[in-house]
Amino acid sequence: MALTVTVITCTWNSSAYLGESIASVLAQDHPQIEYIFVDGGSEDGTLDHIRALRRPYRLLENVRGGVSRAMNEGLRAATGDVVAYLHSDDYYLRRDVLSLAANLLESSGRGWMFGRTMALKDGALHADNYIAPRFSYDKLLRGNFIPHPATFVRRELMLRAGGFSTNLKYAMDYDLWLKLARMSEPLQLDEPLTAFREHEGSLSTSSRTRLAAMAEDFRVRLSYAGNNPLEIMAHYARYFVRRRRIINSKVHVKRPA
């Protein structure tokens, strides 16, 4: 029997984009999909979108305390063999994404896998234009190259890892990938599976939060880095170079033509 898949979608006033996300799940050809929504108290019609679904689903309402807690509550409610998180403003690019993930995890025996994403910006899809390194724990420790919406994890492994840290605002996925990587090596795909929507309201793409997100990533990285002074110095050097690039790019944008 094929592995069952639980799709967890966290929502909060998400009506503008939720319909496209839901449509991509309903179009999936995988026969066994559990669909869970975790809502933080929407007041804009999001819940009406969900309740209009003509298929089984589970809705957890008024889950407060941030996105990490919402994702963990979805994990606690999940019963599928594999867990996938699809945020309300993202969607699957193909109808066979979930069957592909389930079949590959089953045939390979791996505990988790990840593919790539495409960016949806101003109504157009853009290629990743990023060649991810071949996976190793050391490479992941240098920088996060695993896209959240294109990652699929066996529920048992997610539970063993403890889910997402509620103490983190930006780097909760990176922290989880590092925990998972210590336990199991993932299967890596180079093809795009999910569209990641870039807009002003998206937490990870807002220019106002990039420096804060990078600083939190750095703190997570150091917590896994060990005690080798040379390695720690290398992490600091990479962090300051990346931070300077962002600061310089912001200055360049503000500079008059």
Protein backbone atom coordinates (compact mmCIF):
# COMPACT_ATOMS: atom_id res chain seq x y z
CA MET A 1 0.00 0.00 0.00
CA ALA A 2 1.30 3.47 -0.91
CA LEU A 3 2.41 5.81 1.86
CA THR A 4 -0.32 8.19 2.98
CA VAL A 5 0.43 11.92 2.93
CA THR A 6 -0.77 14.65 5.28
CA VAL A 7 -0.75 18.19 3.87
CA ILE A 8 -0.73 20.85 6.58
CA THR A 9 -1.66 24.41 5.61
CA CYS A 10 -1.35 27.19 8.19
CA THR A 11 -3.64 30.17 7.60
CA TRP A 12 -4.27 33.62 8.98
CA ASN A 13 -6.30 36.07 6.90
CA SER A 14 -5.16 34.14 3.82
CA SER A 15 -8.18 34.46 1.53
CA ALA A 16 -6.27 36.35 -1.19
CA TYR A 17 -4.15 33.33 -2.17
CA LEU A 18 -5.63 30.32 -0.39
CA GLY A 19 -7.87 29.29 -3.29
CA GLU A 20 -4.89 28.61 -5.57
CA SER A 21 -3.12 26.65 -2.84
CA ILE A 22 -6.20 24.51 -2.19
CA ALA A 23 -6.77 23.90 -5.91
CA SER A 24 -3.24 22.51 -6.27
CA VAL A 25 -3.88 20.01 -3.46
CA LEU A 26 -7.26 18.97 -4.84
CA ALA A 27 -5.62 18.35 -8.24
CA GLN A 28 -3.09 15.86 -6.82
CA ASP A 29 -3.32 12.32 -8.20
CA HIS A 30 -2.17 10.65 -4.98
CA PRO A 31 -5.05 8.50 -3.68
CA GLN A 32 -4.52 8.98 0.07
CA ILE A 33 -4.21 12.60 1.18
CA GLU A 34 -5.15 13.90 4.61
CA TYR A 35 -5.75 17.65 4.53
CA ILE A 36 -5.31 19.70 7.72
CA PHE A 37 -5.75 23.46 8.11
CA VAL A 38 -4.44 25.31 11.16
CA ASP A 39 -5.92 28.78 11.46
CA GLY A 40 -4.74 31.58 13.73
CA GLY A 41 -8.06 33.42 13.98
CA SER A 42 -8.82 34.63 10.45
CA GLU A 43 -11.50 37.28 9.93
CA ASP A 44 -11.30 37.82 6.16
CA GLY A 45 -13.14 34.89 4.60
CA THR A 46 -10.34 32.35 4.94
CA LEU A 47 -12.54 30.02 6.97
CA ASP A 48 -15.31 30.29 4.37
CA HIS A 49 -12.83 29.09 1.72
CA ILE A 50 -11.97 26.08 3.85
CA ARG A 51 -15.52 25.20 4.85
CA ALA A 52 -16.60 25.26 1.20
CA LEU A 53 -14.38 22.25 0.50
CA ARG A 54 -16.31 19.24 -0.78
CA ARG A 55 -13.83 16.68 0.47
CA PRO A 56 -12.77 15.52 3.94
CA TYR A 57 -10.53 17.92 5.84
CA ARG A 58 -9.71 18.87 9.40
CA LEU A 59 -9.72 22.48 10.62
CA LEU A 60 -7.95 23.54 13.82
CA GLU A 61 -9.22 27.01 14.73
CA ASN A 62 -7.81 29.88 16.82
CA VAL A 63 -4.34 28.37 17.18
CA ARG A 64 -2.35 31.32 18.52
CA GLY A 65 1.32 31.69 19.34
CA GLY A 66 3.05 31.93 15.97
CA VAL A 67 3.63 29.83 12.90
CA SER A 68 5.90 27.28 14.63
CA ARG A 69 3.18 26.42 17.12
CA ALA A 70 0.64 26.22 14.30
CA MET A 71 2.83 23.80 12.34
CA ASN A 72 3.39 21.69 15.45
CA GLU A 73 -0.34 21.52 16.16
CA GLY A 74 -0.85 20.31 12.60
CA LEU A 75 1.80 17.66 13.13
CA ARG A 76 0.11 16.44 16.31
CA ALA A 77 -3.17 16.07 14.45
CA ALA A 78 -1.61 14.32 11.43
CA THR A 79 -2.04 10.60 10.84
CA GLY A 80 -0.34 10.24 7.43
CA ASP A 81 2.93 8.41 6.87
CA VAL A 82 4.46 11.53 5.28
CA VAL A 83 3.98 15.16 6.31
CA ALA A 84 4.12 18.11 3.90
CA TYR A 85 3.69 21.77 4.83
CA LEU A 86 2.14 23.92 2.13
CA HIS A 87 1.64 27.51 3.24
CA SER A 88 -1.53 29.24 2.17
CA ASP A 89 0.22 31.44 -0.41
CA ASP A 90 2.18 28.60 -2.08
CA TYR A 91 1.00 25.83 -4.40
CA TYR A 92 2.16 22.60 -6.04
CA LEU A 93 3.40 22.95 -9.61
CA ARG A 94 2.33 19.50 -10.79
CA ARG A 95 -0.51 17.12 -10.05
CA ASP A 96 1.90 14.27 -9.23
CA VAL A 97 3.99 16.04 -6.56
CA LEU A 98 2.58 14.11 -3.61
CA SER A 99 2.56 10.73 -5.38
CA LEU A 100 6.15 11.35 -6.49
CA ALA A 101 7.23 12.15 -2.92
CA ALA A 102 5.40 9.16 -1.45
CA ASN A 103 6.74 6.74 -4.07
CA LEU A 104 10.33 7.97 -3.77
CA LEU A 105 10.32 7.82 0.02
CA GLU A 106 8.83 4.34 -0.06
CA SER A 107 11.19 2.95 -2.70
CA SER A 108 14.32 4.57 -1.24
CA GLY A 109 13.54 3.89 2.41
CA ARG A 110 14.67 7.45 3.23
CA GLY A 111 13.16 9.41 6.08
CA TRP A 112 12.79 12.68 4.20
CA MET A 113 13.34 14.37 0.85
CA PHE A 114 13.36 17.79 -0.74
CA GLY A 115 13.13 19.29 -4.21
CA ARG A 116 13.24 22.84 -5.52
CA THR A 117 10.78 25.69 -5.84
CA MET A 118 9.96 28.33 -8.41
CA ALA A 119 9.29 31.91 -7.35
CA LEU A 120 5.93 33.44 -8.21
CA LYS A 121 6.41 37.18 -8.41
CA ASP A 122 4.03 39.72 -9.96
CA GLY A 123 1.99 36.90 -11.48
CA ALA A 124 4.91 35.21 -13.27
CA LEU A 125 6.89 32.09 -12.38
CA HIS A 126 10.65 32.47 -12.24
CA ALA A 127 13.25 29.71 -12.20
CA ASP A 128 15.22 29.18 -9.02
CA ASN A 129 18.49 30.20 -10.72
CA TYR A 130 20.29 28.50 -7.87
CA ILE A 131 22.25 25.30 -8.12
CA ALA A 132 21.92 23.63 -4.74
CA PRO A 133 25.02 21.77 -3.53
CA ARG A 134 24.89 18.02 -3.16
CA PHE A 135 23.60 17.37 0.31
CA SER A 136 25.89 16.85 3.25
CA TYR A 137 25.52 17.89 6.85
CA ASP A 138 28.58 20.15 6.63
CA LYS A 139 27.20 21.94 3.55
CA LEU A 140 23.83 22.43 5.21
CA LEU A 141 25.58 23.86 8.26
CA ARG A 142 27.17 26.51 6.02
CA GLY A 143 23.81 27.69 4.75
CA ASN A 144 20.21 26.59 4.33
CA PHE A 145 19.52 25.38 0.78
CA ILE A 146 16.41 23.29 1.58
CA PRO A 147 13.14 24.99 0.54
CA HIS A 148 10.38 24.54 3.09
CA PRO A 149 7.38 24.01 0.73
CA ALA A 150 9.23 21.37 -1.31
CA THR A 151 10.22 19.21 1.67
CA PHE A 152 8.49 15.96 2.65
CA VAL A 153 9.22 14.12 5.91
CA ARG A 154 8.02 10.85 7.37
CA ARG A 155 5.81 11.71 10.31
CA GLU A 156 7.66 9.32 12.62
CA LEU A 157 10.93 11.13 11.91
CA MET A 158 9.32 14.55 12.43
CA LEU A 159 8.01 13.46 15.81
CA ARG A 160 11.39 12.07 16.83
CA ALA A 161 12.98 15.40 15.89
CA GLY A 162 10.48 17.26 18.07
CA GLY A 163 8.92 19.39 15.35
CA PHE A 164 9.60 23.12 15.00
CA SER A 165 11.15 25.25 17.72
CA THR A 166 8.63 27.78 19.03
CA ASN A 167 11.52 29.96 20.22
CA LEU A 168 12.41 30.87 16.64
CA LYS A 169 10.61 33.32 14.37
CA TYR A 170 12.47 32.91 11.07
CA ALA A 171 14.88 29.96 11.24
CA MET A 172 12.55 27.28 12.58
CA ASP A 173 12.74 25.31 9.33
CA TYR A 174 16.55 25.54 9.16
CA ASP A 175 16.78 24.35 12.76
CA LEU A 176 14.53 21.40 11.94
CA TRP A 177 16.51 20.45 8.82
CA LEU A 178 19.70 20.35 10.90
CA LYS A 179 18.01 18.15 13.49
CA LEU A 180 16.70 15.83 10.79
CA ALA A 181 20.07 15.73 9.03
CA ARG A 182 21.71 14.44 12.21
CA MET A 183 19.23 11.57 12.20
CA SER A 184 18.82 10.72 8.52
CA GLU A 185 20.24 11.72 5.13
CA PRO A 186 17.53 13.08 2.80
CA LEU A 187 16.80 12.25 -0.79
CA GLN A 188 17.54 15.28 -2.98
CA LEU A 189 15.75 16.26 -6.20
CA ASP A 190 16.81 19.06 -8.53
CA GLU A 191 13.40 19.64 -10.10
CA PRO A 192 10.90 22.28 -8.95
CA LEU A 193 7.87 20.91 -7.14
CA THR A 194 6.26 23.95 -5.56
CA ALA A 195 5.64 27.62 -6.35
CA PHE A 196 6.78 29.96 -3.59
CA ARG A 197 4.89 33.24 -3.75
CA GLU A 198 6.93 36.38 -3.15
CA HIS A 199 4.92 39.36 -1.97
CA GLU A 200 5.20 42.13 0.59
CA GLY A 201 3.42 40.14 3.26
CA SER A 202 5.51 36.98 3.01
CA LEU A 203 7.66 36.65 6.09
CA SER A 204 10.79 35.25 4.46
CA THR A 205 10.97 37.64 1.47
CA SER A 206 10.25 41.02 3.09
CA SER A 207 13.27 43.30 2.83
CA ARG A 208 12.45 44.64 6.30
CA THR A 209 13.16 41.29 7.91
CA ARG A 210 16.05 39.83 5.88
CA LEU A 211 18.75 40.99 8.29
CA ALA A 212 16.81 39.75 11.32
CA ALA A 213 16.23 36.39 9.61
CA MET A 214 19.92 36.11 8.72
CA ALA A 215 20.93 36.86 12.31
CA GLU A 216 18.61 34.14 13.62
CA ASP A 217 19.92 31.69 11.01
CA PHE A 218 23.42 32.47 12.24
CA ARG A 219 22.50 31.81 15.87
CA VAL A 220 20.99 28.46 14.87
CA ARG A 221 24.08 27.60 12.85
CA LEU A 222 26.40 28.31 15.78
CA SER A 223 24.30 26.12 18.08
CA TYR A 224 25.09 23.14 15.82
CA ALA A 225 28.66 24.09 14.90
CA GLY A 226 30.55 22.35 17.71
CA ASN A 227 33.64 23.69 19.44
CA ASN A 228 36.25 23.84 16.68
CA PRO A 229 37.52 27.46 16.79
CA LEU A 230 38.50 27.47 13.10
CA GLU A 231 35.05 26.35 12.03
CA ILE A 232 33.40 28.92 14.27
CA MET A 233 35.59 31.67 12.80
CA ALA A 234 34.62 30.54 9.30
CA HIS A 235 30.91 30.76 10.23
CA TYR A 236 31.41 34.30 11.54
CA ALA A 237 33.26 35.30 8.38
CA ARG A 238 30.52 33.97 6.09
CA TYR A 239 27.85 35.67 8.17
CA PHE A 240 29.47 39.10 8.04
CA VAL A 241 30.10 38.82 4.28
CA ARG A 242 26.47 37.88 3.63
CA ARG A 243 25.20 40.61 5.96
CA ARG A 244 27.35 43.23 4.20
CA ARG A 245 25.96 42.16 0.83
CA ILE A 246 22.39 42.74 2.01
CA ILE A 247 23.25 46.13 3.53
CA ASN A 248 25.03 47.19 0.34
CA SER A 249 22.15 46.05 -1.84
CA LYS A 250 19.69 48.08 0.26
CA VAL A 251 21.91 51.16 0.00
CA HIS A 252 22.16 50.66 -3.76
CA VAL A 253 18.39 50.49 -4.13
CA LYS A 254 17.91 53.74 -2.19
CA ARG A 255 20.56 55.58 -4.19
CA PRO A 256 18.97 58.10 -6.62
CA ALA A 257 19.30 57.43 -10.34
